[in-house]
Amino acid sequence: MDAPSPTSEVPVEIDLRDPYLAALLAWLCPGAGHCYQRRYGKAVLFAVCILGIYFFGLALGEGKVVYASWNQVERRWQYPLQMGVGLPSAAALVQRMRVNQDQEPLWGGLMAPPRSVSELSRWHYELSARFELGTLYTMVAGLLNVLAICDALAGPMPGHHGGSREGPPRKADPPPGL
């Protein structure tokens, strides 16, 4: 019976518990699915990075860059991407329902859609590039969380096992005299 060589790798089994529940939790709150799976390092990493990017973008755009709007005036295609962050983006749906029912938005208008084209134009004018950058940051956070959800659902991608671990091949030395 051959003993494994010291350089051979033993595959690591990761208990994903219920991967569908983990994926749901990862969508609701970044990092929660990995915490449920007892993968605490990834949970902290995803929560800090994804929520940090999301809330930085939201602050950069003064709370006006995440809103749900789909009407004749504006089709906010960015919001489905921002929804990848989960519950932190859900306030925009509440705000949209309130505005559509001619009620005042909650929370000082945070994540409320603009009531007119002129209000949206004013946001763009006042915030300038911060509106676009804030939108971009929140969209990237949502898309990053989609990758984290996939990791919670399927586990880490298996790596290449076997072969040499010496690194990439080196270039040949130049001939003498060059």
Protein backbone atom coordinates (compact mmCIF):
# COMPACT_ATOMS: atom_id res chain seq x y z
CA MET A 1 0.00 0.00 0.00
CA ASP A 2 1.51 3.28 -1.09
CA ALA A 3 1.50 6.19 1.32
CA PRO A 4 0.58 9.55 -0.19
CA SER A 5 3.60 11.59 -1.09
CA PRO A 6 4.11 14.78 0.91
CA THR A 7 3.44 16.90 -2.19
CA SER A 8 0.15 15.23 -3.17
CA GLU A 9 -3.04 17.10 -2.31
CA VAL A 10 -5.97 15.50 -0.57
CA PRO A 11 -9.33 16.79 -1.82
CA VAL A 12 -11.17 18.76 0.84
CA GLU A 13 -14.86 18.07 1.32
CA ILE A 14 -16.95 21.12 2.17
CA ASP A 15 -20.35 20.57 3.76
CA LEU A 16 -22.62 23.04 1.97
CA ARG A 17 -25.55 22.02 4.21
CA ASP A 18 -28.70 22.99 2.28
CA PRO A 19 -27.21 24.87 -0.71
CA TYR A 20 -30.57 26.33 -1.80
CA LEU A 21 -31.18 27.83 1.63
CA ALA A 22 -27.58 29.08 1.66
CA ALA A 23 -28.12 30.75 -1.73
CA LEU A 24 -31.32 32.43 -0.49
CA LEU A 25 -29.57 33.66 2.65
CA ALA A 26 -26.62 34.89 0.57
CA TRP A 27 -29.03 36.93 -1.55
CA LEU A 28 -30.95 38.32 1.41
CA CYS A 29 -27.78 39.52 3.12
CA PRO A 30 -24.32 39.16 1.60
CA GLY A 31 -22.29 36.70 3.66
CA ALA A 32 -25.28 35.15 5.45
CA GLY A 33 -25.32 32.03 3.25
CA HIS A 34 -21.65 31.36 3.89
CA CYS A 35 -22.16 31.93 7.61
CA TYR A 36 -24.96 29.33 7.50
CA GLN A 37 -22.50 26.95 5.81
CA ARG A 38 -19.98 27.66 8.58
CA ARG A 39 -17.55 29.21 6.11
CA TYR A 40 -16.99 32.20 8.34
CA GLY A 41 -13.96 33.65 6.58
CA LYS A 42 -15.81 33.93 3.29
CA ALA A 43 -18.89 35.22 5.11
CA VAL A 44 -16.97 38.12 6.62
CA LEU A 45 -15.08 38.80 3.39
CA PHE A 46 -18.24 38.92 1.26
CA ALA A 47 -20.27 40.90 3.79
CA VAL A 48 -17.60 43.55 4.31
CA CYS A 49 -16.60 43.91 0.66
CA ILE A 50 -20.03 43.74 -0.99
CA LEU A 51 -21.89 45.81 1.57
CA GLY A 52 -18.98 48.25 1.77
CA ILE A 53 -19.05 48.82 -1.99
CA TYR A 54 -22.85 49.07 -1.99
CA PHE A 55 -23.13 51.57 0.85
CA PHE A 56 -20.17 53.59 -0.42
CA GLY A 57 -21.96 53.95 -3.78
CA LEU A 58 -25.23 54.80 -2.05
CA ALA A 59 -23.50 57.47 0.05
CA LEU A 60 -21.62 58.80 -2.98
CA GLY A 61 -24.96 59.35 -4.71
CA GLU A 62 -26.58 60.76 -1.55
CA GLY A 63 -29.13 57.94 -1.46
CA LYS A 64 -30.55 58.83 -4.88
CA VAL A 65 -28.77 56.26 -7.06
CA VAL A 66 -30.75 53.17 -5.96
CA TYR A 67 -34.41 53.45 -6.90
CA ALA A 68 -36.97 51.32 -8.67
CA SER A 69 -38.67 52.99 -11.61
CA TRP A 70 -40.18 51.46 -14.72
CA ASN A 71 -42.54 53.85 -16.49
CA GLN A 72 -42.81 56.08 -19.56
CA VAL A 73 -40.48 58.67 -18.03
CA GLU A 74 -37.65 56.35 -17.09
CA ARG A 75 -36.72 52.70 -17.32
CA ARG A 76 -34.26 52.17 -14.47
CA TRP A 77 -32.49 49.10 -15.87
CA GLN A 78 -29.76 49.48 -13.24
CA TYR A 79 -32.07 48.55 -10.37
CA PRO A 80 -32.29 44.80 -11.16
CA LEU A 81 -28.48 44.70 -10.99
CA GLN A 82 -28.51 46.61 -7.70
CA MET A 83 -31.10 44.13 -6.38
CA GLY A 84 -28.41 41.47 -6.43
CA VAL A 85 -27.40 42.85 -3.02
CA GLY A 86 -30.73 41.64 -1.59
CA LEU A 87 -32.51 43.25 1.34
CA PRO A 88 -30.45 46.43 1.44
CA SER A 89 -31.97 47.35 -1.94
CA ALA A 90 -35.54 46.40 -0.99
CA ALA A 91 -36.28 49.83 0.46
CA ALA A 92 -36.41 51.12 -3.12
CA LEU A 93 -39.46 48.93 -3.81
CA VAL A 94 -41.24 50.29 -0.73
CA GLN A 95 -40.43 53.83 -1.82
CA ARG A 96 -41.69 53.19 -5.35
CA MET A 97 -45.02 51.87 -4.04
CA ARG A 98 -45.44 54.93 -1.81
CA VAL A 99 -44.63 57.38 -4.61
CA ASN A 100 -46.97 55.56 -7.02
CA GLN A 101 -49.77 55.91 -4.43
CA ASP A 102 -49.05 59.67 -4.10
CA GLN A 103 -47.74 59.25 -0.56
CA GLU A 104 -44.65 60.93 0.84
CA PRO A 105 -41.52 58.77 0.70
CA LEU A 106 -40.13 57.45 3.96
CA TRP A 107 -36.63 57.96 5.41
CA GLY A 108 -36.19 61.45 4.00
CA GLY A 109 -36.59 60.22 0.43
CA LEU A 110 -33.74 57.68 0.61
CA MET A 111 -34.05 55.38 -2.44
CA ALA A 112 -37.24 57.10 -3.62
CA PRO A 113 -37.68 57.43 -7.39
CA PRO A 114 -37.74 60.90 -8.90
CA ARG A 115 -41.25 62.28 -9.28
CA SER A 116 -40.49 63.98 -12.58
CA VAL A 117 -37.91 64.29 -15.31
CA SER A 118 -36.93 67.71 -13.95
CA GLU A 119 -36.21 66.21 -10.52
CA LEU A 120 -34.02 63.52 -12.11
CA SER A 121 -32.24 66.21 -14.14
CA ARG A 122 -31.63 68.20 -10.96
CA TRP A 123 -30.09 65.10 -9.29
CA HIS A 124 -27.74 64.65 -12.24
CA TYR A 125 -26.81 68.34 -12.20
CA GLU A 126 -26.26 68.55 -8.42
CA LEU A 127 -24.39 65.28 -8.04
CA SER A 128 -22.56 65.44 -11.36
CA ALA A 129 -20.27 62.42 -11.81
CA ARG A 130 -21.09 61.16 -8.30
CA PHE A 131 -24.52 60.08 -9.56
CA GLU A 132 -23.00 57.85 -12.22
CA LEU A 133 -20.21 56.57 -9.97
CA GLY A 134 -22.64 55.80 -7.15
CA THR A 135 -24.85 53.93 -9.59
CA LEU A 136 -21.86 51.99 -10.88
CA TYR A 137 -20.64 51.04 -7.40
CA THR A 138 -24.07 49.78 -6.34
CA MET A 139 -24.46 47.78 -9.56
CA VAL A 140 -21.02 46.19 -9.13
CA ALA A 141 -21.89 45.26 -5.55
CA GLY A 142 -25.07 43.54 -6.75
CA LEU A 143 -23.20 41.62 -9.43
CA LEU A 144 -20.46 40.60 -7.00
CA ASN A 145 -23.12 39.23 -4.68
CA VAL A 146 -24.49 37.13 -7.55
CA LEU A 147 -21.06 35.48 -7.72
CA ALA A 148 -21.12 34.96 -3.94
CA ILE A 149 -24.60 33.41 -4.25
CA CYS A 150 -23.24 30.98 -6.85
CA ASP A 151 -20.42 30.07 -4.46
CA ALA A 152 -22.93 29.43 -1.66
CA LEU A 153 -25.04 27.28 -3.99
CA ALA A 154 -22.33 25.21 -5.67
CA GLY A 155 -19.31 25.59 -3.42
CA PRO A 156 -15.85 26.65 -4.48
CA MET A 157 -14.67 25.78 -7.93
CA PRO A 158 -12.39 22.74 -7.82
CA GLY A 159 -8.80 23.54 -8.61
CA HIS A 160 -6.29 21.68 -10.70
CA HIS A 161 -4.83 18.85 -8.67
CA GLY A 162 -1.62 17.11 -9.51
CA GLY A 163 1.35 18.04 -11.58
CA SER A 164 4.19 20.26 -10.61
CA ARG A 165 3.71 23.24 -8.28
CA GLU A 166 6.91 24.93 -9.35
CA GLY A 167 5.15 27.72 -11.20
CA PRO A 168 5.09 28.71 -14.85
CA PRO A 169 7.93 27.63 -17.10
CA ARG A 170 10.83 30.03 -17.19
CA LYS A 171 12.14 31.60 -20.35
CA ALA A 172 15.37 30.16 -21.62
CA ASP A 173 18.50 32.13 -20.87
CA PRO A 174 19.65 34.24 -23.83
CA PRO A 175 22.68 32.97 -25.69
CA PRO A 176 26.01 34.37 -24.48
CA GLY A 177 27.03 37.60 -26.10
CA LEU A 178 23.54 39.10 -26.46
